[in-house]
Amino acid sequence: MKPLTIIGIVLVILGIIGFATGGISFTHQKKDVDLGPVQISHKTQDTLPLSPIFSTVSLLAGLGLVVVGARAK
């Protein structure tokens, strides 16, 4: 496969994921108290929202790169 086609497929997948989920969620652990062997912590979940405009641009650019990669022989 050509590099343009691979990049286009990755962009199409990112655009579909952006539409399906609306964002990327991740969990990290914060340490509240650290007194030697005693540690108190809690987990927090944050979401990085993805704009529908970003998803649309990613999807269209990916489709364009796939078409250009397929035609360039």
N, C-alpha and C. Protein backbone atom coordinates (compact mmCIF):
# COMPACT_ATOMS: atom_id res chain seq x y z
N MET A 1 0.83 -1.19 0.00
CA MET A 1 0.00 0.00 0.00
C MET A 1 0.88 1.25 0.00
N LYS A 2 0.34 2.26 -0.59
CA LYS A 2 1.06 3.53 -0.66
C LYS A 2 0.85 4.32 0.63
N PRO A 3 1.81 5.17 1.00
CA PRO A 3 1.69 5.95 2.23
C PRO A 3 0.44 6.84 2.27
N LEU A 4 0.07 7.43 1.13
CA LEU A 4 -1.14 8.27 1.11
C LEU A 4 -2.39 7.46 1.45
N THR A 5 -2.46 6.26 0.96
CA THR A 5 -3.61 5.40 1.24
C THR A 5 -3.66 5.03 2.71
N ILE A 6 -2.52 4.71 3.30
CA ILE A 6 -2.48 4.34 4.72
C ILE A 6 -2.88 5.52 5.59
N ILE A 7 -2.34 6.71 5.30
CA ILE A 7 -2.71 7.90 6.07
C ILE A 7 -4.20 8.20 5.90
N GLY A 8 -4.72 8.03 4.69
CA GLY A 8 -6.15 8.25 4.44
C GLY A 8 -7.01 7.29 5.24
N ILE A 9 -6.62 6.03 5.32
CA ILE A 9 -7.39 5.05 6.09
C ILE A 9 -7.38 5.40 7.57
N VAL A 10 -6.22 5.83 8.08
CA VAL A 10 -6.12 6.23 9.49
C VAL A 10 -7.03 7.43 9.77
N LEU A 11 -7.05 8.41 8.87
CA LEU A 11 -7.91 9.58 9.06
C LEU A 11 -9.39 9.22 9.01
N VAL A 12 -9.75 8.30 8.12
CA VAL A 12 -11.15 7.86 8.05
C VAL A 12 -11.55 7.17 9.35
N ILE A 13 -10.67 6.32 9.88
CA ILE A 13 -10.96 5.63 11.14
C ILE A 13 -11.10 6.63 12.29
N LEU A 14 -10.21 7.63 12.35
CA LEU A 14 -10.30 8.65 13.39
C LEU A 14 -11.60 9.46 13.27
N GLY A 15 -12.01 9.76 12.04
CA GLY A 15 -13.26 10.49 11.84
C GLY A 15 -14.47 9.69 12.30
N ILE A 16 -14.48 8.39 12.00
CA ILE A 16 -15.59 7.54 12.43
C ILE A 16 -15.62 7.42 13.96
N ILE A 17 -14.45 7.25 14.57
CA ILE A 17 -14.39 7.17 16.04
C ILE A 17 -14.85 8.47 16.66
N GLY A 18 -14.48 9.60 16.05
CA GLY A 18 -14.92 10.90 16.57
C GLY A 18 -16.43 11.06 16.54
N PHE A 19 -17.07 10.59 15.47
CA PHE A 19 -18.52 10.66 15.40
C PHE A 19 -19.18 9.69 16.38
N ALA A 20 -18.61 8.51 16.52
CA ALA A 20 -19.24 7.48 17.35
C ALA A 20 -19.13 7.78 18.83
N THR A 21 -17.99 8.28 19.28
CA THR A 21 -17.80 8.47 20.72
C THR A 21 -17.97 9.91 21.19
N GLY A 22 -17.71 10.87 20.33
CA GLY A 22 -17.83 12.26 20.73
C GLY A 22 -16.62 12.76 21.51
N GLY A 23 -15.68 11.90 21.80
CA GLY A 23 -14.49 12.30 22.53
C GLY A 23 -13.71 11.10 23.01
N ILE A 24 -12.56 11.39 23.62
CA ILE A 24 -11.70 10.34 24.14
C ILE A 24 -11.69 10.46 25.66
N SER A 25 -12.03 9.38 26.35
CA SER A 25 -12.03 9.38 27.81
C SER A 25 -10.80 8.65 28.32
N PHE A 26 -10.25 9.18 29.41
CA PHE A 26 -9.11 8.52 30.03
C PHE A 26 -9.19 8.70 31.54
N THR A 27 -8.61 7.75 32.27
CA THR A 27 -8.65 7.73 33.72
C THR A 27 -7.23 7.85 34.25
N HIS A 28 -7.05 8.69 35.26
CA HIS A 28 -5.75 8.76 35.91
C HIS A 28 -5.95 8.82 37.42
N GLN A 29 -4.92 8.45 38.14
CA GLN A 29 -5.00 8.33 39.58
C GLN A 29 -4.26 9.49 40.23
N LYS A 30 -4.92 10.19 41.17
CA LYS A 30 -4.31 11.30 41.89
C LYS A 30 -4.05 10.89 43.33
N LYS A 31 -2.87 11.21 43.80
CA LYS A 31 -2.50 10.88 45.17
C LYS A 31 -2.88 12.06 46.08
N ASP A 32 -3.71 11.79 47.10
CA ASP A 32 -4.15 12.83 48.01
C ASP A 32 -3.23 12.93 49.23
N VAL A 33 -2.95 11.80 49.87
CA VAL A 33 -2.15 11.78 51.09
C VAL A 33 -1.06 10.72 50.94
N ASP A 34 0.16 11.09 51.33
CA ASP A 34 1.28 10.15 51.30
C ASP A 34 2.04 10.28 52.61
N LEU A 35 1.70 9.42 53.57
CA LEU A 35 2.34 9.43 54.89
C LEU A 35 3.09 8.12 55.10
N GLY A 36 4.23 8.00 54.45
CA GLY A 36 5.00 6.76 54.56
C GLY A 36 4.25 5.60 53.93
N PRO A 37 3.94 4.56 54.75
CA PRO A 37 3.25 3.40 54.18
C PRO A 37 1.75 3.64 53.92
N VAL A 38 1.21 4.74 54.44
CA VAL A 38 -0.21 5.04 54.26
C VAL A 38 -0.36 6.00 53.08
N GLN A 39 -1.09 5.56 52.08
CA GLN A 39 -1.34 6.40 50.91
C GLN A 39 -2.83 6.41 50.60
N ILE A 40 -3.35 7.59 50.35
CA ILE A 40 -4.75 7.73 49.97
C ILE A 40 -4.78 8.39 48.60
N SER A 41 -5.49 7.76 47.68
CA SER A 41 -5.59 8.30 46.33
C SER A 41 -6.99 8.05 45.79
N HIS A 42 -7.28 8.73 44.70
CA HIS A 42 -8.57 8.53 44.03
C HIS A 42 -8.36 8.61 42.53
N LYS A 43 -9.28 7.99 41.81
CA LYS A 43 -9.22 7.98 40.36
C LYS A 43 -10.18 9.04 39.82
N THR A 44 -9.72 9.74 38.79
CA THR A 44 -10.58 10.72 38.12
C THR A 44 -10.64 10.36 36.64
N GLN A 45 -11.80 10.59 36.05
CA GLN A 45 -11.98 10.32 34.64
C GLN A 45 -12.21 11.65 33.92
N ASP A 46 -11.40 11.90 32.93
CA ASP A 46 -11.51 13.12 32.14
C ASP A 46 -11.86 12.75 30.70
N THR A 47 -12.53 13.67 30.03
CA THR A 47 -12.91 13.46 28.64
C THR A 47 -12.36 14.59 27.79
N LEU A 48 -11.70 14.22 26.71
CA LEU A 48 -11.21 15.18 25.74
C LEU A 48 -12.22 15.20 24.58
N PRO A 49 -13.05 16.24 24.52
CA PRO A 49 -14.10 16.25 23.49
C PRO A 49 -13.52 16.47 22.09
N LEU A 50 -14.09 15.77 21.13
CA LEU A 50 -13.72 15.95 19.73
C LEU A 50 -14.88 16.63 19.01
N SER A 51 -14.58 17.70 18.36
CA SER A 51 -15.60 18.48 17.66
C SER A 51 -16.11 17.70 16.44
N PRO A 52 -17.41 17.79 16.17
CA PRO A 52 -17.93 17.17 14.95
C PRO A 52 -17.30 17.77 13.68
N ILE A 53 -16.86 19.02 13.76
CA ILE A 53 -16.20 19.64 12.61
C ILE A 53 -14.87 18.93 12.35
N PHE A 54 -14.11 18.63 13.43
CA PHE A 54 -12.85 17.91 13.29
C PHE A 54 -13.09 16.52 12.69
N SER A 55 -14.14 15.85 13.15
CA SER A 55 -14.45 14.52 12.63
C SER A 55 -14.81 14.57 11.15
N THR A 56 -15.58 15.57 10.76
CA THR A 56 -15.98 15.72 9.36
C THR A 56 -14.76 16.00 8.48
N VAL A 57 -13.91 16.92 8.92
CA VAL A 57 -12.71 17.26 8.15
C VAL A 57 -11.80 16.05 8.03
N SER A 58 -11.64 15.31 9.12
CA SER A 58 -10.79 14.12 9.12
C SER A 58 -11.34 13.06 8.16
N LEU A 59 -12.65 12.86 8.20
CA LEU A 59 -13.28 11.87 7.33
C LEU A 59 -13.14 12.25 5.86
N LEU A 60 -13.41 13.50 5.52
CA LEU A 60 -13.32 13.94 4.12
C LEU A 60 -11.88 13.93 3.62
N ALA A 61 -10.94 14.38 4.45
CA ALA A 61 -9.53 14.37 4.05
C ALA A 61 -9.05 12.93 3.86
N GLY A 62 -9.48 12.05 4.74
CA GLY A 62 -9.09 10.64 4.61
C GLY A 62 -9.63 10.02 3.33
N LEU A 63 -10.88 10.29 3.03
CA LEU A 63 -11.45 9.76 1.78
C LEU A 63 -10.72 10.32 0.56
N GLY A 64 -10.38 11.61 0.61
CA GLY A 64 -9.63 12.21 -0.49
C GLY A 64 -8.27 11.57 -0.66
N LEU A 65 -7.57 11.31 0.44
CA LEU A 65 -6.25 10.68 0.35
C LEU A 65 -6.33 9.25 -0.15
N VAL A 66 -7.38 8.54 0.24
CA VAL A 66 -7.55 7.16 -0.26
C VAL A 66 -7.77 7.18 -1.77
N VAL A 67 -8.59 8.11 -2.26
CA VAL A 67 -8.85 8.19 -3.70
C VAL A 67 -7.59 8.58 -4.45
N VAL A 68 -6.86 9.57 -3.95
CA VAL A 68 -5.63 10.01 -4.60
C VAL A 68 -4.58 8.90 -4.57
N GLY A 69 -4.48 8.19 -3.44
CA GLY A 69 -3.53 7.09 -3.33
C GLY A 69 -3.86 5.94 -4.27
N ALA A 70 -5.14 5.70 -4.49
CA ALA A 70 -5.56 4.60 -5.38
C ALA A 70 -5.32 4.97 -6.86
N ARG A 71 -5.47 6.23 -7.20
CA ARG A 71 -5.30 6.65 -8.61
C ARG A 71 -3.83 6.81 -8.98
N ALA A 72 -2.98 7.14 -8.02
CA ALA A 72 -1.56 7.39 -8.33
C ALA A 72 -0.84 6.06 -8.51
N LYS A 73 -0.63 5.68 -9.76
CA LYS A 73 0.08 4.42 -10.07
C LYS A 73 1.28 4.69 -10.92
